[in-house]
Amino acid sequence: MANIILSPLNKRRMANFRANKRGYWSLMLFSVMFVICLVAELVANDKPIFVRFDDNWYIPILSDHPETAYGGDFDVQTDFYDPYILGKIEEHGFAIWPPIPFSYETIDFQMREAQPAPPSSRHWLGTDDLGRDVLARLIYGFRISILFGLALTIISSVIGIAAGAVQGYFGGWLDLGFQRVIEIWSGLPQLFILIILASLFAPGFGTLLFILVLFSWMSLTGLVRAEFLRARNFEYVRAARALGMTDYRIMYRHVLPNAMVATITFLPFVLNGSIVALTSLDFLGLGMPPGSPSLGELLAQGKNNLQAPWLGMTAFFAIALMLSLLIFIGEAVRDAFDPRKTF
């Protein structure tokens, strides 16, 4: 099926990508990690996935039921760590738990050790200073980092590519004026502005995304501008103008595909920068709301609890692995679009 759909050029690109074994297997590993984190509620949760009680099936991770549904005495939210409720479920049915029976916000009150506790059979990567499972917070934090990075990369790339395309294609005073605006905007102290905006608005996923888009859209503008400046006087562009084709159609149908070849190779590196930006803000306490699972917050916990090295090491190796995989994938994509590469 792939041989029918793919053009010869795309077949060559796919072959070049697979030929880069490091990048190919990095993509496979990253995909597995990403899929696991997308279904984090099925992997790490303080509620069972399924509960069978008196011939009735319940899915606690999707809907809350009072403890009276499981033989309890009160019409309140069910605490599945309550030995009485667990005994009732075992007596009248069974429960299927996730591999990690803790969510990112679950505080383990049954721990006897001082917090943060070291890795054990109960908490594979230990707990943080509030008694929350580090592995559960790592899984949820990985998901937030990747989704935030993808959203920031897509939005900023669309804006940056559109701005660069308009600059490069039309040139002249429009290009010069836009360049002066970009120079002024890029010269502003971004960290100070982020601190001011973060103090004015309530922190959140959407707020941080909007603030970072204000400064990250320029990452691809220069590259796309250069490609459009180079291609706008090519013969096929002049021929299209002579045939009466509109500027928008020429830009979208003829010039942009050529510019995207170089742009796509930079996207994994832009994604890396987006993830690092969120991690840095979370580390400084300017990112996601307090209590949210975050790789930056885990790094801050490692800094504040030097007597618990597993916190800092977990965050460091998780971030290093994620960024390294993305770099390797980016190198493979670069090889795939390199016209000099043959398999």
Protein backbone atom coordinates (compact mmCIF):
# COMPACT_ATOMS: atom_id res chain seq x y z
CA MET A 1 0.00 0.00 0.00
CA ALA A 2 2.84 2.38 0.89
CA ASN A 3 4.45 1.73 -2.51
CA ILE A 4 1.26 2.85 -4.25
CA ILE A 5 0.76 6.02 -2.18
CA LEU A 6 4.32 7.30 -1.88
CA SER A 7 6.00 9.05 -4.77
CA PRO A 8 9.54 8.01 -5.77
CA LEU A 9 10.92 11.08 -4.00
CA ASN A 10 9.13 10.25 -0.74
CA LYS A 11 10.21 6.61 -1.06
CA ARG A 12 13.80 7.77 -1.21
CA ARG A 13 13.28 10.01 1.80
CA MET A 14 11.74 7.18 3.81
CA ALA A 15 14.63 4.92 2.86
CA ASN A 16 17.15 7.57 3.91
CA PHE A 17 15.35 7.99 7.22
CA ARG A 18 15.40 4.24 7.92
CA ALA A 19 19.06 4.10 6.92
CA ASN A 20 19.86 6.33 9.88
CA LYS A 21 19.46 3.58 12.47
CA ARG A 22 20.01 5.87 15.44
CA GLY A 23 17.28 8.24 14.35
CA TYR A 24 14.91 5.46 13.30
CA TRP A 25 15.11 3.59 16.60
CA SER A 26 14.97 6.88 18.50
CA LEU A 27 11.64 7.56 16.78
CA MET A 28 10.39 4.09 17.72
CA LEU A 29 11.41 4.52 21.36
CA PHE A 30 10.03 8.04 21.57
CA SER A 31 6.73 6.89 20.02
CA VAL A 32 6.37 4.13 22.61
CA MET A 33 7.10 6.55 25.45
CA PHE A 34 4.65 9.10 24.05
CA VAL A 35 1.85 6.55 23.65
CA ILE A 36 2.37 5.33 27.22
CA CYS A 37 2.18 8.89 28.52
CA LEU A 38 -0.93 9.64 26.47
CA VAL A 39 -2.75 6.89 28.38
CA ALA A 40 -1.12 7.82 31.69
CA GLU A 41 -4.41 7.32 33.54
CA LEU A 42 -4.25 3.62 32.61
CA VAL A 43 -0.62 3.35 33.76
CA ALA A 44 -0.50 5.42 36.95
CA ASN A 45 -3.68 6.09 38.89
CA ASP A 46 -4.99 5.89 42.43
CA LYS A 47 -8.24 4.38 41.13
CA PRO A 48 -8.78 0.91 39.64
CA ILE A 49 -9.28 0.60 35.91
CA PHE A 50 -12.21 -1.81 36.32
CA VAL A 51 -14.18 -2.90 39.36
CA ARG A 52 -16.61 -5.81 39.40
CA PHE A 53 -18.95 -5.65 42.38
CA ASP A 54 -22.07 -7.82 42.71
CA ASP A 55 -22.22 -8.54 38.98
CA ASN A 56 -21.91 -4.82 38.20
CA TRP A 57 -18.98 -3.34 36.27
CA TYR A 58 -17.57 0.06 37.13
CA ILE A 59 -14.81 2.15 35.50
CA PRO A 60 -13.63 4.46 38.31
CA ILE A 61 -11.02 6.21 36.16
CA LEU A 62 -13.81 7.56 33.93
CA SER A 63 -16.63 8.20 36.41
CA ASP A 64 -16.82 8.65 40.15
CA HIS A 65 -19.17 6.53 42.22
CA PRO A 66 -19.89 6.92 45.93
CA GLU A 67 -18.55 4.30 48.26
CA THR A 68 -22.09 2.96 48.76
CA ALA A 69 -21.74 1.43 45.28
CA TYR A 70 -18.95 -0.74 46.67
CA GLY A 71 -20.61 -1.68 49.95
CA GLY A 72 -19.58 1.42 51.91
CA ASP A 73 -21.71 3.27 54.44
CA PHE A 74 -21.47 6.90 53.27
CA ASP A 75 -22.52 8.72 50.12
CA VAL A 76 -19.09 10.27 49.57
CA GLN A 77 -16.32 9.89 47.03
CA THR A 78 -14.71 6.48 47.25
CA ASP A 79 -11.29 6.15 48.80
CA PHE A 80 -9.89 3.02 47.19
CA TYR A 81 -7.05 2.92 49.73
CA ASP A 82 -9.54 2.41 52.55
CA PRO A 83 -9.02 -1.16 53.82
CA TYR A 84 -12.75 -1.49 54.49
CA ILE A 85 -13.67 -0.65 50.87
CA LEU A 86 -10.91 -2.91 49.54
CA GLY A 87 -12.21 -5.75 51.69
CA LYS A 88 -15.74 -5.26 50.39
CA ILE A 89 -14.54 -5.29 46.78
CA GLU A 90 -12.53 -8.49 47.34
CA GLU A 91 -15.51 -10.08 49.06
CA HIS A 92 -18.04 -9.28 46.33
CA GLY A 93 -15.87 -9.10 43.24
CA PHE A 94 -12.44 -7.88 42.19
CA ALA A 95 -10.57 -4.82 40.96
CA ILE A 96 -8.03 -4.39 38.15
CA TRP A 97 -5.43 -1.80 39.12
CA PRO A 98 -2.95 0.11 36.93
CA PRO A 99 0.70 -1.01 37.14
CA ILE A 100 1.43 2.06 39.28
CA PRO A 101 -1.37 2.49 41.85
CA PHE A 102 -0.66 6.21 42.36
CA SER A 103 -1.62 9.32 40.44
CA TYR A 104 0.61 12.38 40.11
CA GLU A 105 -1.19 14.10 43.02
CA THR A 106 -1.63 11.08 45.29
CA ILE A 107 -0.01 11.47 48.70
CA ASP A 108 0.92 8.13 50.20
CA PHE A 109 -0.11 8.44 53.86
CA GLN A 110 0.85 4.82 54.52
CA MET A 111 4.57 5.54 54.17
CA ARG A 112 6.53 5.27 57.43
CA GLU A 113 9.78 6.76 56.14
CA ALA A 114 10.59 10.43 56.17
CA GLN A 115 9.77 12.23 52.94
CA PRO A 116 11.21 12.26 50.35
CA ALA A 117 11.54 8.46 50.55
CA PRO A 118 14.10 6.51 48.48
CA PRO A 119 13.13 4.06 45.71
CA SER A 120 11.45 0.87 46.90
CA SER A 121 9.17 -1.88 45.67
CA ARG A 122 6.20 0.35 46.52
CA HIS A 123 7.57 3.49 44.85
CA TRP A 124 9.96 2.49 42.08
CA LEU A 125 11.61 5.92 41.82
CA GLY A 126 10.89 7.04 45.37
CA THR A 127 8.68 9.89 46.52
CA ASP A 128 9.04 13.65 46.59
CA ASP A 129 8.98 15.88 49.66
CA LEU A 130 5.17 15.65 49.87
CA GLY A 131 5.02 11.86 49.60
CA ARG A 132 3.90 11.73 45.96
CA ASP A 133 5.14 8.97 43.65
CA VAL A 134 8.00 10.27 41.48
CA LEU A 135 7.42 7.82 38.62
CA ALA A 136 3.75 8.80 38.34
CA ARG A 137 4.66 12.49 38.29
CA LEU A 138 7.37 11.77 35.72
CA ILE A 139 4.88 10.07 33.37
CA TYR A 140 2.32 12.85 33.64
CA GLY A 141 5.01 15.51 33.43
CA PHE A 142 6.44 13.93 30.26
CA ARG A 143 2.99 14.13 28.67
CA ILE A 144 2.52 17.78 29.55
CA SER A 145 6.00 18.66 28.28
CA ILE A 146 5.52 16.91 24.93
CA LEU A 147 1.99 18.23 24.33
CA PHE A 148 3.04 21.74 25.30
CA GLY A 149 6.13 21.53 23.09
CA LEU A 150 4.12 20.25 20.13
CA ALA A 151 1.47 22.95 20.53
CA LEU A 152 4.08 25.71 20.87
CA THR A 153 6.08 24.37 17.91
CA ILE A 154 3.05 24.12 15.62
CA ILE A 155 1.60 27.54 16.47
CA SER A 156 4.91 29.40 16.40
CA SER A 157 5.98 27.63 13.19
CA VAL A 158 2.75 28.55 11.39
CA ILE A 159 3.15 32.21 12.38
CA GLY A 160 6.88 32.28 11.64
CA ILE A 161 6.55 30.55 8.26
CA ALA A 162 3.74 32.90 7.20
CA ALA A 163 5.73 35.97 8.27
CA GLY A 164 8.91 34.77 6.55
CA ALA A 165 7.01 33.89 3.39
CA VAL A 166 5.44 37.35 3.12
CA GLN A 167 8.78 39.04 3.77
CA GLY A 168 10.76 36.99 1.29
CA TYR A 169 8.20 36.92 -1.51
CA PHE A 170 7.27 40.61 -1.61
CA GLY A 171 10.60 42.05 -0.38
CA GLY A 172 11.15 45.79 -0.66
CA TRP A 173 9.93 48.13 2.06
CA LEU A 174 7.69 45.43 3.54
CA ASP A 175 10.69 43.20 4.08
CA LEU A 176 12.82 46.01 5.50
CA GLY A 177 10.10 47.22 7.85
CA PHE A 178 9.32 43.70 9.07
CA GLN A 179 13.01 43.04 9.68
CA ARG A 180 13.29 46.15 11.86
CA VAL A 181 10.27 45.01 13.88
CA ILE A 182 11.79 41.56 14.36
CA GLU A 183 15.13 43.04 15.41
CA ILE A 184 13.46 45.24 18.03
CA TRP A 185 11.18 42.45 19.28
CA SER A 186 13.99 39.88 19.50
CA GLY A 187 16.16 42.39 21.40
CA LEU A 188 13.69 42.75 24.26
CA PRO A 189 14.64 41.10 27.59
CA GLN A 190 12.43 38.05 27.20
CA LEU A 191 13.01 36.60 30.68
CA PHE A 192 11.99 39.83 32.42
CA ILE A 193 8.90 40.17 30.25
CA LEU A 194 7.96 36.55 30.98
CA ILE A 195 8.35 37.17 34.71
CA ILE A 196 6.13 40.27 34.49
CA LEU A 197 3.44 38.55 32.42
CA ALA A 198 3.53 35.44 34.64
CA SER A 199 2.90 37.64 37.68
CA LEU A 200 -0.03 39.43 35.99
CA PHE A 201 -1.87 36.36 34.71
CA ALA A 202 -2.83 33.15 36.46
CA PRO A 203 -0.41 30.41 35.39
CA GLY A 204 -1.81 27.71 33.18
CA PHE A 205 -1.25 25.72 30.00
CA GLY A 206 -2.99 28.22 27.74
CA THR A 207 -1.50 31.28 29.38
CA LEU A 208 2.07 29.97 29.11
CA LEU A 209 1.46 28.90 25.53
CA PHE A 210 0.28 32.39 24.58
CA ILE A 211 3.19 34.11 26.34
CA LEU A 212 5.86 31.88 24.78
CA VAL A 213 4.34 32.13 21.31
CA LEU A 214 4.94 35.90 21.49
CA PHE A 215 8.71 35.27 21.41
CA SER A 216 9.16 31.88 19.74
CA TRP A 217 7.48 32.59 16.38
CA MET A 218 10.69 34.13 15.04
CA SER A 219 12.66 30.86 15.14
CA LEU A 220 11.86 29.91 11.52
CA THR A 221 11.17 33.33 10.03
CA GLY A 222 14.71 33.99 8.85
CA LEU A 223 15.07 30.58 7.20
CA VAL A 224 11.76 30.81 5.33
CA ARG A 225 12.47 34.41 4.33
CA ALA A 226 15.80 33.40 2.80
CA GLU A 227 14.19 30.54 0.87
CA PHE A 228 11.48 32.83 -0.54
CA LEU A 229 14.00 35.53 -1.42
CA ARG A 230 15.99 32.94 -3.34
CA ALA A 231 13.03 31.39 -5.14
CA ARG A 232 10.88 34.42 -5.99
CA ASN A 233 12.87 35.20 -9.15
CA PHE A 234 13.09 31.62 -10.43
CA GLU A 235 11.77 31.01 -13.91
CA TYR A 236 8.81 28.89 -12.82
CA VAL A 237 7.66 31.70 -10.48
CA ARG A 238 7.94 34.25 -13.29
CA ALA A 239 6.05 31.92 -15.59
CA ALA A 240 3.28 31.54 -13.04
CA ARG A 241 2.99 35.31 -12.71
CA ALA A 242 2.85 35.65 -16.51
CA LEU A 243 -0.01 33.14 -16.61
CA GLY A 244 -1.99 35.33 -14.20
CA MET A 245 -1.69 33.16 -11.11
CA THR A 246 -2.30 35.05 -7.85
CA ASP A 247 0.55 35.74 -5.44
CA TYR A 248 -1.09 33.64 -2.73
CA ARG A 249 -1.38 30.64 -5.05
CA ILE A 250 2.23 30.99 -6.20
CA MET A 251 3.45 31.19 -2.62
CA TYR A 252 1.36 28.26 -1.41
CA ARG A 253 1.57 25.89 -4.37
CA HIS A 254 5.05 26.51 -5.77
CA VAL A 255 7.44 28.33 -3.44
CA LEU A 256 6.36 27.05 -0.02
CA PRO A 257 6.94 23.31 -0.76
CA ASN A 258 10.56 24.07 -1.67
CA ALA A 259 11.03 26.19 1.45
CA MET A 260 9.50 23.49 3.66
CA VAL A 261 12.26 21.02 2.81
CA ALA A 262 14.75 23.06 4.84
CA THR A 263 12.15 24.08 7.43
CA ILE A 264 11.04 20.56 8.35
CA THR A 265 14.58 19.57 9.29
CA PHE A 266 14.58 22.29 11.97
CA LEU A 267 11.24 21.37 13.56
CA PRO A 268 12.61 18.71 15.98
CA PHE A 269 15.13 21.26 17.24
CA VAL A 270 12.39 23.88 17.63
CA LEU A 271 10.42 21.27 19.60
CA ASN A 272 13.44 20.76 21.83
CA GLY A 273 13.63 24.48 22.52
CA SER A 274 9.91 24.60 23.35
CA ILE A 275 10.22 21.79 25.88
CA VAL A 276 13.29 23.39 27.47
CA ALA A 277 11.42 26.71 27.73
CA LEU A 278 8.58 25.14 29.72
CA THR A 279 11.01 23.16 31.89
CA SER A 280 13.00 26.31 32.66
CA LEU A 281 9.91 28.30 33.64
CA ASP A 282 8.69 25.46 35.87
CA PHE A 283 12.11 25.24 37.50
CA LEU A 284 11.96 28.97 38.27
CA GLY A 285 8.41 28.68 39.62
CA LEU A 286 6.90 30.69 36.75
CA GLY A 287 5.36 27.83 34.80
CA MET A 288 2.44 25.51 35.44
CA PRO A 289 0.23 26.00 38.53
CA PRO A 290 1.59 24.62 41.85
CA GLY A 291 1.05 20.88 42.17
CA SER A 292 1.06 20.23 38.43
CA PRO A 293 3.31 17.37 37.30
CA SER A 294 6.32 18.95 35.64
CA LEU A 295 9.88 18.00 34.80
CA GLY A 296 11.02 21.47 35.82
CA GLU A 297 9.28 21.17 39.18
CA LEU A 298 10.98 17.80 39.70
CA LEU A 299 14.33 19.44 38.99
CA ALA A 300 13.53 22.13 41.53
CA GLN A 301 12.69 19.44 44.08
CA GLY A 302 16.06 17.83 43.43
CA LYS A 303 17.76 21.19 44.03
CA ASN A 304 15.84 21.76 47.25
CA ASN A 305 16.42 18.21 48.53
CA LEU A 306 20.07 17.45 47.93
CA GLN A 307 19.84 14.66 50.50
CA ALA A 308 17.51 12.85 48.04
CA PRO A 309 19.64 12.45 44.91
CA TRP A 310 17.08 10.25 43.17
CA LEU A 311 14.89 13.33 42.55
CA GLY A 312 17.50 15.31 40.63
CA MET A 313 18.88 12.23 38.87
CA THR A 314 15.43 11.12 37.72
CA ALA A 315 14.61 14.54 36.30
CA PHE A 316 18.04 14.92 34.68
CA PHE A 317 18.06 11.54 32.95
CA ALA A 318 14.42 11.90 31.83
CA ILE A 319 15.05 15.32 30.25
CA ALA A 320 18.38 14.21 28.77
CA LEU A 321 16.81 11.10 27.23
CA MET A 322 13.85 12.98 25.79
CA LEU A 323 15.95 15.76 24.27
CA SER A 324 18.56 13.31 22.94
CA LEU A 325 15.89 11.24 21.19
CA LEU A 326 14.46 14.35 19.57
CA ILE A 327 17.93 15.43 18.40
CA PHE A 328 18.57 12.01 16.87
CA ILE A 329 15.17 12.12 15.15
CA GLY A 330 16.00 15.57 13.81
CA GLU A 331 19.29 14.32 12.38
CA ALA A 332 17.48 11.46 10.65
CA VAL A 333 14.90 13.87 9.19
CA ARG A 334 17.74 16.07 7.95
CA ASP A 335 19.31 13.06 6.20
CA ALA A 336 15.94 12.11 4.71
CA PHE A 337 15.53 15.51 3.04
CA ASP A 338 19.16 15.82 1.98
CA PRO A 339 19.21 15.43 -1.84
CA ARG A 340 22.83 14.25 -1.68
CA LYS A 341 21.91 11.21 0.43
CA THR A 342 21.21 7.93 -1.30
CA PHE A 343 20.44 4.57 0.29
